[in-house]
Amino acid sequence: MMKKLLISISTIFFIVALVGCQSNGRKLGEKAVQEYDNDPLYVEVPASVTQEQAIDLAESVLIGREWKVTSTTADEVVGKLVHRGFDATATIKSEGKRLTIYSEAIHTDKNSGETKPGVPFGWLKNLQTDLVKQLN
């Protein structure tokens, strides 16, 4: 009896952990996009780093994460990544002494073919983490 209970608890824990891992990296739907747009990820830029240096670092971070850089200007760099059902564009924009990571993405369900707007949050968080490492 105790063994069955432990197996059941272990199974439930595994399923909860698996579902949590799968949904943690992406957020789908208009509401998720609106929430992200209202509070996008950002990184503070140290005073010693120029805007040009910050944009150059942002470009190297995108490339390091296998995003294709599609444009670079004096105050922003834009990257595109198509992977795991997402067709995503990340724009890293210099705003004062801050780099803000904006996102536009569509997710296509591999089974149904249904498309939804979404936020590849895990990917954007990786960009933020890499930017912090590069700037400090």
Foldseek 3Di string as FASTA:
>chain_A
DVVVVVVVVVVVVVVVVVVCVVPVQKFWAPVQLVVCVVPPDKDFFDPVADLQNLQVQLVVLCVVLVWQWDDDDSFWTKTFDDDDQKTKIWIFGHDPRMTTIHIWIWGADPPPRDITTMDSRNVSVSSNVSSNVVRD
